[in-house]
Protein backbone atom coordinates (compact mmCIF):
# COMPACT_ATOMS: atom_id res chain seq x y z
CA MET A 1 -43.91 26.54 117.23
CA VAL A 2 -42.38 28.34 114.25
CA GLU A 3 -41.79 25.00 112.56
CA SER A 4 -45.50 24.24 112.98
CA LEU A 5 -46.43 27.58 111.42
CA GLY A 6 -44.10 26.93 108.50
CA TYR A 7 -45.27 23.36 108.05
CA ARG A 8 -48.92 24.40 108.01
CA ALA A 9 -48.29 27.18 105.46
CA LEU A 10 -46.20 25.06 103.12
CA SER A 11 -48.39 21.95 103.34
CA THR A 12 -51.41 24.09 102.45
CA ALA A 13 -49.51 25.68 99.56
CA HIS A 14 -48.49 22.27 98.22
CA ALA A 15 -51.99 20.83 98.50
CA PHE A 16 -53.68 23.74 96.74
CA ALA A 17 -50.98 24.06 94.08
CA ALA A 18 -51.71 20.42 93.18
CA ALA A 19 -55.42 21.31 93.11
CA ILE A 20 -55.12 23.89 90.31
CA PRO A 21 -55.64 21.36 87.44
CA LEU A 22 -58.70 20.02 89.29
CA ALA A 23 -60.45 23.38 89.73
CA PRO A 24 -63.87 23.60 88.02
CA ASN A 25 -63.37 26.99 86.33
CA LEU A 26 -60.92 29.81 85.67
CA ALA A 27 -62.07 31.97 88.58
CA VAL A 28 -61.32 29.21 91.04
CA LYS A 29 -57.96 28.46 89.39
CA LYS A 30 -56.99 32.12 89.83
CA ALA A 31 -58.17 32.05 93.44
CA LEU A 32 -56.05 28.97 94.08
CA ILE A 33 -52.97 30.67 92.65
CA GLU A 34 -53.49 33.65 94.96
CA TYR A 35 -54.11 31.30 97.88
CA VAL A 36 -50.85 29.42 97.19
CA TRP A 37 -48.94 32.70 96.89
CA GLU A 38 -50.33 33.89 100.23
CA GLU A 39 -49.29 30.65 101.92
CA LEU A 40 -45.78 30.91 100.46
CA ARG A 41 -45.49 34.46 101.80
CA ARG A 42 -46.56 33.18 105.21
CA PHE A 43 -43.92 30.48 105.00
CA GLU A 44 -41.35 33.13 104.12
CA ALA A 45 -42.38 35.19 107.16
CA SER A 46 -42.09 32.08 109.34
CA SER A 47 -38.63 31.43 107.88
CA ASP A 48 -37.52 34.93 108.87
CA ILE A 49 -38.58 34.30 112.47
CA TYR A 50 -36.89 30.89 112.38
CA LEU A 51 -33.61 32.53 111.33
CA ASP A 52 -33.93 35.00 114.22
CA VAL A 53 -34.43 32.14 116.67
CA ARG A 54 -31.82 29.82 115.14
CA PRO A 55 -29.28 31.77 113.06
CA GLY A 56 -28.18 29.87 109.97
CA SER A 57 -31.08 27.41 110.15
CA ASP A 58 -33.29 26.35 107.23
CA LEU A 59 -37.01 26.08 107.93
CA HIS A 60 -37.68 24.41 104.59
CA GLY A 61 -35.16 21.69 105.38
CA ALA A 62 -36.65 21.24 108.85
CA VAL A 63 -40.19 20.62 107.60
CA LYS A 64 -39.44 18.88 104.29
CA PRO A 65 -39.51 15.28 105.67
CA ARG A 66 -43.05 15.87 106.96
CA LEU A 67 -44.08 17.59 103.74
CA ASP A 68 -42.97 14.59 101.69
CA GLU A 69 -45.69 12.56 103.46
CA ILE A 70 -48.51 14.85 102.27
CA PRO A 71 -50.50 13.20 99.44
CA ARG A 72 -51.63 15.04 96.31
CA PRO A 73 -55.39 15.54 95.93
CA GLU A 74 -56.89 13.42 93.15
CA SER A 75 -60.25 15.12 92.66
CA TRP A 76 -62.06 18.40 93.29
CA LEU A 77 -64.14 16.58 95.89
CA GLU A 78 -60.95 15.80 97.80
CA VAL A 79 -59.90 19.46 97.52
CA ALA A 80 -63.21 20.46 99.14
CA VAL A 81 -62.48 18.04 101.99
CA ILE A 82 -58.97 19.49 102.44
CA GLN A 83 -60.33 23.02 102.58
CA PHE A 84 -62.98 21.94 105.08
CA VAL A 85 -60.55 20.46 107.61
CA PHE A 86 -57.52 22.72 107.01
CA ASP A 87 -59.49 25.94 107.25
CA ARG A 88 -60.89 25.27 110.70
CA ALA A 89 -57.69 23.67 112.02
CA GLY A 90 -55.72 26.72 110.96
CA GLN A 91 -58.12 29.18 112.57
CA ILE A 92 -58.11 27.35 115.89
CA SER A 93 -54.33 26.84 115.94
CA LEU A 94 -53.61 30.48 115.10
CA GLY A 95 -56.13 31.66 117.67
CA GLU A 96 -54.02 29.95 120.31
CA ILE A 97 -50.92 32.01 119.52
CA ARG A 98 -52.25 35.36 118.33
CA ALA A 99 -51.56 36.71 121.84
CA ALA A 100 -48.20 34.94 122.20
CA SER A 101 -45.59 36.57 124.44
CA ASP A 102 -43.23 36.63 121.45
CA ALA A 103 -44.38 39.65 119.45
CA ARG A 104 -43.06 38.23 116.16
CA VAL A 105 -45.20 35.10 116.44
CA ALA A 106 -48.23 37.07 117.62
CA ARG A 107 -47.98 39.51 114.70
CA LEU A 108 -47.67 36.71 112.16
CA ALA A 109 -50.62 34.76 113.60
CA THR A 110 -52.80 37.87 113.63
CA LYS A 111 -51.80 38.78 110.07
CA ILE A 112 -52.64 35.29 108.81
CA LEU A 113 -56.03 35.29 110.53
CA GLU A 114 -56.88 38.68 109.07
CA GLY A 115 -55.74 37.68 105.60
CA GLU A 116 -58.05 34.73 105.01
CA ARG A 117 -60.12 35.89 102.06
CA MET A 118 -59.95 33.23 99.34
CA HIS A 119 -61.88 30.55 101.20
CA VAL A 120 -65.33 31.53 99.97
CA LEU A 121 -64.24 31.27 96.34
CA ILE A 122 -62.28 28.07 96.83
CA GLY A 123 -64.46 26.07 99.14
CA GLY A 124 -67.02 28.17 100.93
CA GLU A 125 -67.22 28.68 104.66
CA GLY A 126 -68.26 26.06 107.16
CA GLY A 127 -67.91 23.24 104.67
CA ASN A 128 -70.65 24.60 102.39
CA ALA A 129 -68.88 23.51 99.20
CA LEU A 130 -68.35 20.00 100.50
CA ARG A 131 -71.94 19.79 101.71
CA ASN A 132 -73.20 20.92 98.30
CA LEU A 133 -71.09 18.28 96.54
CA CYS A 134 -72.40 15.54 98.83
CA ALA A 135 -76.04 16.61 99.20
CA GLY A 136 -78.28 14.06 97.52
CA ASN A 137 -75.25 12.36 95.96
CA ARG A 138 -74.48 9.06 97.68
CA ASP A 139 -71.54 8.34 95.39
CA ASN A 140 -69.82 11.62 96.32
CA LEU A 141 -70.56 11.08 100.00
CA ALA A 142 -69.04 7.59 99.88
CA ARG A 143 -65.97 8.93 98.07
CA ALA A 144 -65.64 11.84 100.53
CA GLN A 145 -65.48 9.60 103.62
CA PRO A 146 -61.96 8.16 103.03
CA TYR A 147 -60.77 11.63 101.97
CA PHE A 148 -62.10 13.01 105.25
CA GLU A 149 -60.34 10.32 107.26
CA ARG A 150 -57.04 10.94 105.43
CA TRP A 151 -57.03 14.72 105.81
CA LEU A 152 -58.46 14.79 109.31
CA ALA A 153 -55.44 12.74 110.44
CA ILE A 154 -53.08 15.14 108.64
CA SER A 155 -54.76 18.17 110.20
CA LEU A 156 -54.58 16.63 113.68
CA ARG A 157 -50.82 16.16 113.35
CA SER A 158 -50.43 19.92 112.94
CA PHE A 159 -51.51 20.51 116.56
CA GLY A 160 -48.48 18.68 117.98
CA ARG A 161 -48.28 16.14 120.80
CA SER A 162 -50.10 16.79 124.05
CA GLY A 163 -48.79 16.53 127.59
CA THR A 164 -45.14 17.03 126.69
CA ALA A 165 -42.59 19.04 128.66
CA ARG A 166 -42.14 21.28 125.59
CA SER A 167 -45.87 22.01 125.46
CA GLN A 168 -45.97 22.85 129.17
CA ARG A 169 -42.94 25.11 128.83
CA ALA A 170 -44.57 26.99 125.94
CA ILE A 171 -47.63 27.61 128.11
CA GLU A 172 -45.47 28.81 131.02
CA LEU A 173 -43.66 31.22 128.70
CA GLY A 174 -46.93 32.58 127.35
CA LEU A 175 -46.25 31.37 123.81
CA LYS A 176 -49.60 29.57 123.69
CA ARG A 177 -52.66 29.37 125.92
CA ARG A 178 -53.44 25.66 126.21
CA ASP A 179 -52.06 22.18 125.78
CA SER A 180 -52.74 20.68 122.37
CA ALA A 181 -55.18 18.14 123.88
CA GLU A 182 -57.57 20.97 124.73
CA VAL A 183 -57.10 22.55 121.31
CA VAL A 184 -57.79 19.25 119.52
CA ARG A 185 -60.88 18.76 121.66
CA GLU A 186 -62.19 22.18 120.59
CA TYR A 187 -61.35 21.43 116.94
CA LEU A 188 -63.25 18.14 116.87
CA ALA A 189 -66.21 19.59 118.77
CA ASP A 190 -66.32 22.46 116.30
CA LEU A 191 -66.27 20.08 113.34
CA ALA A 192 -68.86 17.67 114.76
CA PRO A 193 -72.09 19.48 113.75
CA LEU A 194 -70.70 20.24 110.29
CA VAL A 195 -69.57 16.63 109.81
CA GLU A 196 -73.05 15.43 110.77
CA ARG A 197 -74.72 17.96 108.47
CA ILE A 198 -72.62 16.81 105.52
CA GLY A 199 -73.31 13.14 106.31
CA LEU A 200 -69.75 12.04 107.12
CA GLN A 201 -68.57 9.93 110.06
CA PHE A 202 -65.60 10.51 112.33
CA PRO A 203 -63.09 7.66 111.97
CA THR A 204 -62.07 5.53 114.92
CA ARG A 205 -58.80 6.13 116.76
CA ALA A 206 -57.41 2.96 115.20
CA LYS A 207 -58.18 4.23 111.71
CA LEU A 208 -56.56 7.59 112.39
CA GLY A 209 -53.42 5.84 113.61
CA LEU A 210 -52.44 8.71 115.90
CA ASP A 211 -51.48 8.94 119.56
CA LEU A 212 -54.39 11.07 120.73
CA PRO A 213 -55.45 12.06 124.26
CA GLU A 214 -58.57 10.60 125.85
CA GLY A 215 -61.90 12.38 126.03
CA LEU A 216 -62.17 13.49 122.41
CA GLY A 217 -65.39 11.67 121.62
CA LEU A 218 -63.68 9.29 119.18
CA ALA A 219 -64.49 5.57 119.29
């Protein structure tokens, strides 16, 4: 669980650090720098918990192989897509553990949820920035679709595998409320009206290339 927190914080920091040269103006560049700094501080807090749980361990080393697979955004349109999917995935994931039986994890999750304040400047809430970029612009909408498919798959990986003994044990211990299948289902259902409003399409399971549970509404 702590590895997931660290991975999410550092992958977000990496993605938005790479987005700084793509930002449309100075205000957004400054917001991105603050956003990256906040995510690095969250990673540092996760690392402290990781050391408590596994003395002598290195959270950065544990998550680095997965981080190396994260692509760099190539346009501001892609950054808007990243913000759209990462923002909601993070809120739902953290909501699952903000009441965790481990007080350290619960405090960190609550602090992160309360500290989200750069999203309006960077990408707007509810995908507004992405919708504005795609509204009446068929070229942008066509370009956004493969970005959406790429980053949706990356965001889904952050929820972990469903139906595992580890997941069940975490629920029994009160570290999280539900199996990841239920969390993913909520995430996709939450995205669905926004995806339709923007004009995007959910990719098929085959295109996502992930081992996902049934009943998610994906073809």
